[in-house]
Protein backbone atom coordinates (compact mmCIF):
# COMPACT_ATOMS: atom_id res chain seq x y z
CA MET A 1 3.16 -47.69 -47.54
CA SER A 2 1.22 -45.05 -49.60
CA GLN A 3 -1.56 -43.39 -47.72
CA LYS A 4 -3.76 -40.45 -49.14
CA VAL A 5 -5.36 -39.82 -45.93
CA ARG A 6 -2.98 -38.77 -43.10
CA LEU A 7 -4.40 -36.83 -40.38
CA ARG A 8 -1.09 -36.22 -38.93
CA ARG A 9 -0.18 -33.84 -41.63
CA LEU A 10 -2.15 -31.25 -39.77
CA ARG A 11 -0.05 -31.93 -36.56
CA TYR A 12 3.57 -31.85 -37.52
CA ASN A 13 3.92 -27.93 -37.61
CA LYS A 14 2.86 -25.85 -34.69
CA ASN A 15 1.54 -23.20 -36.91
CA VAL A 16 -0.63 -25.58 -38.87
CA ARG A 17 -1.75 -26.90 -35.42
CA ASP A 18 -2.90 -23.38 -34.35
CA LEU A 19 -4.40 -22.58 -37.68
CA VAL A 20 -6.61 -25.40 -37.54
CA GLU A 21 -7.86 -25.04 -33.83
CA ASP A 22 -11.60 -25.08 -33.55
CA THR A 23 -12.16 -24.10 -29.92
CA HIS A 24 -10.39 -20.87 -28.63
CA LEU A 25 -10.38 -20.07 -24.87
CA ARG A 26 -10.13 -16.26 -24.21
CA PRO A 27 -9.88 -14.36 -20.90
CA GLN A 28 -13.13 -12.69 -21.83
CA ASP A 29 -14.80 -16.07 -21.66
CA LEU A 30 -14.09 -16.28 -17.79
CA VAL A 31 -16.19 -15.00 -14.82
CA TYR A 32 -14.13 -14.66 -11.60
CA PRO A 33 -15.73 -15.28 -8.34
CA ILE A 34 -15.37 -12.76 -5.50
CA PHE A 35 -16.45 -13.65 -1.74
CA VAL A 36 -16.98 -10.27 -0.06
CA CYS A 37 -17.24 -9.92 3.62
CA GLU A 38 -17.76 -7.33 6.36
CA GLY A 39 -15.15 -5.41 7.89
CA LYS A 40 -12.00 -3.48 6.57
CA ASN A 41 -8.55 -4.58 5.36
CA ILE A 42 -9.78 -8.25 5.34
CA LYS A 43 -8.36 -10.84 3.18
CA ASN A 44 -8.87 -14.08 4.66
CA GLU A 45 -7.36 -17.14 2.61
CA ILE A 46 -10.19 -20.00 2.04
CA LYS A 47 -8.28 -23.02 3.51
CA SER A 48 -10.15 -25.44 1.27
CA MET A 49 -9.67 -23.14 -1.76
CA PRO A 50 -5.80 -22.21 -1.81
CA GLY A 51 -5.31 -18.68 -3.35
CA GLN A 52 -8.77 -17.73 -3.01
CA TYR A 53 -9.97 -15.21 -0.47
CA GLN A 54 -12.86 -13.47 1.49
CA LEU A 55 -12.38 -9.95 0.88
CA SER A 56 -13.84 -6.77 2.54
CA VAL A 57 -15.04 -4.08 0.24
CA ASP A 58 -11.97 -1.72 0.65
CA MET A 59 -9.86 -4.64 -0.93
CA LEU A 60 -11.71 -5.18 -4.15
CA SER A 61 -9.70 -2.49 -5.98
CA ASP A 62 -6.36 -4.27 -6.04
CA LEU A 63 -8.11 -7.46 -7.30
CA CYS A 64 -10.29 -5.76 -9.83
CA ASN A 65 -7.05 -4.16 -11.30
CA LYS A 66 -5.13 -7.40 -11.53
CA LEU A 67 -8.22 -8.89 -13.39
CA LEU A 68 -8.47 -5.98 -15.67
CA ASP A 69 -4.82 -6.51 -16.41
CA LEU A 70 -5.39 -10.00 -17.48
CA ASN A 71 -8.39 -8.87 -19.40
CA ILE A 72 -10.91 -10.68 -17.42
CA MET A 73 -13.83 -8.35 -17.41
CA SER A 74 -16.38 -10.29 -15.52
CA VAL A 75 -17.00 -11.16 -11.87
CA ILE A 76 -19.71 -12.81 -10.01
CA LEU A 77 -20.29 -11.79 -6.33
CA PHE A 78 -21.10 -13.79 -3.12
CA GLY A 79 -21.80 -12.30 -0.03
CA VAL A 80 -20.45 -13.35 3.47
CA PRO A 81 -22.48 -11.04 5.84
CA ASP A 82 -22.00 -10.70 9.48
CA LYS A 83 -25.68 -10.89 10.32
CA LYS A 84 -28.22 -13.52 9.11
CA ASP A 85 -31.94 -14.17 9.66
CA ASP A 86 -34.59 -17.09 9.17
CA ASP A 87 -35.64 -15.89 5.97
CA GLY A 88 -32.49 -14.23 4.33
CA LYS A 89 -33.99 -10.99 4.41
CA VAL A 90 -30.66 -9.34 5.05
CA ALA A 91 -30.08 -10.07 1.48
CA GLN A 92 -32.74 -7.30 0.53
CA ASP A 93 -30.87 -4.54 2.48
CA ASP A 94 -29.78 -1.75 0.08
CA ASN A 95 -26.90 -1.30 1.99
CA GLY A 96 -25.91 -4.91 2.26
CA ILE A 97 -22.52 -6.42 1.70
CA VAL A 98 -23.16 -7.28 -1.91
CA GLN A 99 -24.98 -4.06 -2.67
CA ARG A 100 -22.13 -2.13 -1.47
CA ALA A 101 -19.54 -4.27 -3.24
CA VAL A 102 -21.31 -3.63 -6.52
CA LYS A 103 -21.09 0.14 -5.97
CA GLU A 104 -17.53 -0.15 -5.26
CA ILE A 105 -16.44 -2.15 -8.15
CA LYS A 106 -18.37 0.15 -10.43
CA LYS A 107 -16.29 3.02 -9.04
CA ILE A 108 -13.07 1.24 -9.73
CA ASN A 109 -14.08 0.58 -13.41
CA LYS A 110 -17.58 1.03 -14.55
CA GLU A 111 -16.99 -1.36 -17.59
CA ILE A 112 -16.37 -4.48 -15.44
CA LEU A 113 -19.43 -6.88 -15.88
CA VAL A 114 -20.87 -7.44 -12.33
CA VAL A 115 -22.91 -10.61 -12.05
CA VAL A 116 -24.55 -11.13 -8.87
CA ASP A 117 -25.65 -14.56 -7.25
CA VAL A 118 -29.44 -14.25 -6.02
CA CYS A 119 -29.95 -16.74 -3.34
CA HIS A 120 -30.49 -16.86 0.31
CA CYS A 121 -28.28 -19.60 1.65
CA GLN A 122 -25.46 -17.09 2.59
CA TYR A 123 -28.05 -15.07 4.48
CA THR A 124 -30.07 -17.55 6.49
CA LEU A 125 -29.31 -18.76 10.12
CA HIS A 126 -29.88 -22.45 8.92
CA GLY A 127 -27.94 -22.25 5.65
CA HIS A 128 -30.61 -23.43 3.24
CA CYS A 129 -31.63 -21.40 0.17
CA GLY A 130 -34.95 -19.91 1.51
CA THR A 131 -37.59 -19.72 4.28
CA ILE A 132 -38.22 -23.07 6.05
CA LYS A 133 -41.68 -24.39 6.71
CA ASN A 134 -42.42 -27.86 7.93
CA GLY A 135 -38.86 -28.81 8.02
CA ASP A 136 -38.23 -27.94 4.20
CA VAL A 137 -37.76 -24.75 2.12
CA GLU A 138 -41.06 -23.10 1.27
CA ASN A 139 -41.03 -22.60 -2.40
CA ASP A 140 -43.47 -19.62 -2.89
CA LYS A 141 -42.46 -17.46 0.06
CA THR A 142 -38.71 -17.92 -1.01
CA VAL A 143 -39.58 -16.75 -4.61
CA ILE A 144 -41.08 -13.57 -3.07
CA ASN A 145 -38.08 -12.78 -1.05
CA LEU A 146 -35.82 -13.48 -4.02
CA GLY A 147 -37.72 -10.93 -5.89
CA LEU A 148 -36.98 -8.26 -3.32
CA GLN A 149 -33.24 -9.26 -3.31
CA ALA A 150 -33.06 -9.00 -7.10
CA VAL A 151 -34.54 -5.47 -7.13
CA SER A 152 -32.26 -4.44 -4.39
CA LEU A 153 -29.25 -5.70 -6.25
CA ALA A 154 -30.53 -4.11 -9.44
CA LYS A 155 -30.82 -0.76 -7.68
CA ALA A 156 -27.35 -1.10 -6.68
CA GLY A 157 -26.15 -1.24 -10.22
CA ALA A 158 -25.77 -4.98 -10.86
CA ASP A 159 -25.30 -5.82 -14.64
CA VAL A 160 -26.66 -9.35 -14.41
CA LEU A 161 -28.74 -11.33 -11.80
CA ALA A 162 -27.92 -15.12 -11.55
CA PRO A 163 -30.57 -16.90 -9.28
CA SER A 164 -29.15 -20.13 -7.89
CA ASP A 165 -31.80 -21.00 -5.57
CA MET A 166 -33.64 -23.75 -7.88
CA MET A 167 -36.97 -22.70 -6.69
CA ASP A 168 -39.77 -23.43 -9.06
CA GLY A 169 -41.10 -20.17 -10.89
CA ARG A 170 -38.49 -17.80 -9.64
CA VAL A 171 -37.19 -16.88 -13.03
CA ASN A 172 -40.74 -15.83 -13.80
CA HIS A 173 -41.24 -13.66 -10.53
CA ILE A 174 -37.98 -11.97 -10.91
CA ARG A 175 -38.38 -11.02 -14.49
CA ASN A 176 -41.73 -9.52 -13.56
CA ILE A 177 -40.56 -7.73 -10.67
CA LEU A 178 -37.58 -6.26 -12.46
CA ASP A 179 -39.90 -5.15 -15.39
CA LYS A 180 -42.33 -3.49 -12.90
CA ASN A 181 -39.21 -1.68 -11.39
CA ASN A 182 -38.05 -0.40 -14.80
CA PHE A 183 -35.16 -3.01 -14.90
CA GLU A 184 -36.35 -4.63 -18.13
CA LYS A 185 -32.81 -4.27 -19.79
CA LEU A 186 -31.29 -6.29 -17.01
CA PRO A 187 -30.42 -9.88 -18.02
CA ILE A 188 -31.12 -13.15 -15.99
CA PHE A 189 -28.42 -15.88 -16.12
CA SER A 190 -30.42 -18.56 -14.54
CA TYR A 191 -28.84 -21.49 -12.64
CA ALA A 192 -31.24 -23.68 -14.52
CA VAL A 193 -29.46 -26.67 -13.94
CA LYS A 194 -27.70 -27.19 -10.60
CA TYR A 195 -27.13 -30.40 -9.23
CA ALA A 196 -27.05 -31.56 -5.25
CA SER A 197 -23.32 -32.16 -5.56
CA ALA A 198 -20.48 -33.05 -3.34
CA PHE A 199 -18.33 -30.84 -5.40
CA TYR A 200 -19.55 -27.75 -3.57
CA GLY A 201 -17.83 -28.45 -0.27
CA PRO A 202 -15.08 -25.82 -0.65
CA PHE A 203 -17.62 -23.20 -1.77
CA ARG A 204 -19.63 -23.60 1.62
CA ASP A 205 -16.48 -22.97 3.48
CA ALA A 206 -15.87 -19.75 1.35
CA ALA A 207 -19.48 -18.52 1.62
CA GLU A 208 -19.98 -19.82 5.03
CA ASN A 209 -23.40 -21.36 4.06
CA THR A 210 -23.21 -24.97 5.03
CA PRO A 211 -26.69 -26.16 5.88
CA GLN A 212 -26.99 -26.51 9.80
CA TYR A 213 -29.38 -29.56 9.17
CA GLY A 214 -30.49 -31.91 6.54
CA ASP A 215 -29.36 -31.28 2.81
CA ARG A 216 -30.53 -29.49 -0.38
CA LYS A 217 -31.80 -32.38 -2.39
CA SER A 218 -35.49 -31.35 -2.32
CA TYR A 219 -34.80 -28.50 -4.43
CA GLN A 220 -31.32 -29.13 -6.31
CA MET A 221 -31.25 -31.84 -8.81
CA ASN A 222 -30.50 -35.30 -8.46
CA TYR A 223 -27.13 -36.05 -10.18
CA LYS A 224 -28.38 -39.30 -11.50
CA ASN A 225 -30.84 -37.48 -13.84
CA SER A 226 -30.44 -35.89 -17.36
CA ILE A 227 -33.94 -35.67 -18.93
CA GLU A 228 -35.07 -33.59 -15.98
CA ALA A 229 -32.26 -31.04 -16.63
CA LEU A 230 -33.65 -30.42 -20.11
CA ARG A 231 -37.12 -29.68 -18.44
CA GLU A 232 -35.54 -27.25 -15.81
CA ALA A 233 -33.61 -25.61 -18.89
CA GLU A 234 -36.92 -25.34 -21.12
CA THR A 235 -38.78 -24.26 -18.21
CA ASP A 236 -36.32 -21.14 -17.25
CA ILE A 237 -36.22 -20.19 -21.08
CA ASN A 238 -39.99 -19.95 -21.06
CA GLU A 239 -39.93 -17.90 -17.95
CA GLY A 240 -37.56 -15.19 -19.40
CA ALA A 241 -34.00 -16.53 -18.57
CA ASP A 242 -31.40 -14.79 -21.18
CA ALA A 243 -28.72 -17.40 -20.40
CA LEU A 244 -28.58 -20.63 -18.61
CA ILE A 245 -25.90 -22.15 -16.14
CA VAL A 246 -24.97 -25.64 -15.63
CA LYS A 247 -23.33 -26.40 -12.32
CA PRO A 248 -21.02 -28.36 -11.75
CA ALA A 249 -19.38 -28.51 -15.07
CA MET A 250 -16.50 -30.88 -15.30
CA SER A 251 -18.66 -33.94 -14.42
CA TYR A 252 -21.75 -32.71 -16.33
CA LEU A 253 -20.22 -31.88 -19.92
CA ASP A 254 -22.95 -34.40 -21.35
CA ILE A 255 -25.71 -31.92 -19.96
CA ILE A 256 -23.99 -28.83 -21.06
CA TYR A 257 -23.75 -30.52 -24.57
CA ARG A 258 -27.66 -31.61 -24.66
CA ILE A 259 -28.83 -28.30 -23.55
CA LYS A 260 -26.66 -26.41 -26.05
CA SER A 261 -27.96 -28.94 -28.87
CA LYS A 262 -31.48 -28.58 -28.09
CA PHE A 263 -31.74 -24.89 -27.22
CA ASN A 264 -30.59 -21.76 -29.04
CA ILE A 265 -29.48 -19.85 -25.93
CA PRO A 266 -26.17 -19.02 -24.43
CA VAL A 267 -25.06 -21.76 -21.83
CA ILE A 268 -22.58 -21.22 -19.07
CA ALA A 269 -20.27 -23.90 -17.61
CA TYR A 270 -19.84 -23.16 -13.71
CA ASN A 271 -16.43 -24.74 -12.83
CA VAL A 272 -17.11 -25.04 -9.01
CA SER A 273 -15.15 -25.02 -6.13
CA GLY A 274 -14.57 -28.74 -5.65
CA GLU A 275 -13.30 -29.00 -9.28
CA TYR A 276 -10.89 -25.92 -8.62
CA SER A 277 -9.52 -27.53 -5.33
CA MET A 278 -8.96 -30.95 -6.79
CA VAL A 279 -6.97 -29.58 -9.59
CA HIS A 280 -5.12 -26.92 -7.51
CA SER A 281 -3.99 -29.83 -4.76
CA ALA A 282 -3.01 -32.15 -7.46
CA ALA A 283 -0.81 -29.57 -9.25
CA ASP A 284 0.55 -28.30 -6.09
CA LYS A 285 1.87 -31.92 -5.29
CA LYS A 286 3.08 -32.11 -8.95
CA TRP A 287 0.97 -34.97 -9.58
CA ILE A 288 -0.35 -33.34 -12.78
CA ASP A 289 0.80 -30.35 -14.72
CA ASN A 290 -0.86 -26.74 -14.45
CA GLU A 291 -1.61 -27.18 -18.28
CA VAL A 292 -4.62 -29.29 -17.09
CA ILE A 293 -6.41 -26.46 -16.09
CA LEU A 294 -6.59 -25.07 -19.68
CA GLU A 295 -7.49 -28.37 -20.79
CA ILE A 296 -10.40 -28.65 -18.45
CA LEU A 297 -11.75 -25.08 -19.44
CA THR A 298 -11.35 -25.92 -23.03
CA SER A 299 -13.25 -28.96 -22.74
CA MET A 300 -16.08 -27.09 -21.20
CA LYS A 301 -16.06 -24.39 -23.93
CA ARG A 302 -15.79 -26.92 -26.89
């Protein structure tokens, strides 16, 4: 049988396959999450995230140097404080756990890009992402406190602020307060589309921020919705976001694609804790090959 078009001609030879690849995953594409806790010489393994740890500030050097050896130049910090309050104001402390971690990482290597999560769920007694009023998170008061947290983190030397609270108007407020405090060069990577997802379970173990009551469905997005995601993305762009984060990633590749197709702005896929734990557990039991990790990450970039 004669056939002019044979797509397999580009697949027989490995060098040809490599030559015509159209998606390339690099270590520089990755951002490594770090959970920072109080104390000294602390390295607590997170049971629901094997291989991931809560680390005290003095333990950051070893991890950061390992990341640098792998050419991973970016990290995102989450704080696990020993003290919390009703409004999460501990997050505004210039000597807070994340503020100290930022300074320490910059001492280790100033070239490491330090992204910081801006939210209150790790700092409130109730585990919600802001101040509670009448049984729900009060939007505008929370936004004011987020702005104060953002300024404190900027003063500590953070390179990027990533608000993850999903309050309305928070990007606009944070942008304005940063500019007023001479941080106009500091970018905002907004969690523009953050779904109320069951995939966050292991993260809540890591950050110790499980809500003490209720859920987060009044501020995080309904996972059944897609058009709303475009509205959220457009709103954050108009308020001054420099890049957008979609969270989770694996079950929301369609959302990532739609946002990237509609808006000319960097889009970040957040591969969340539940996705990590599922893959890790299956690979550990030899049900799947570790190669699936690269396959998943490449699909997100593609």
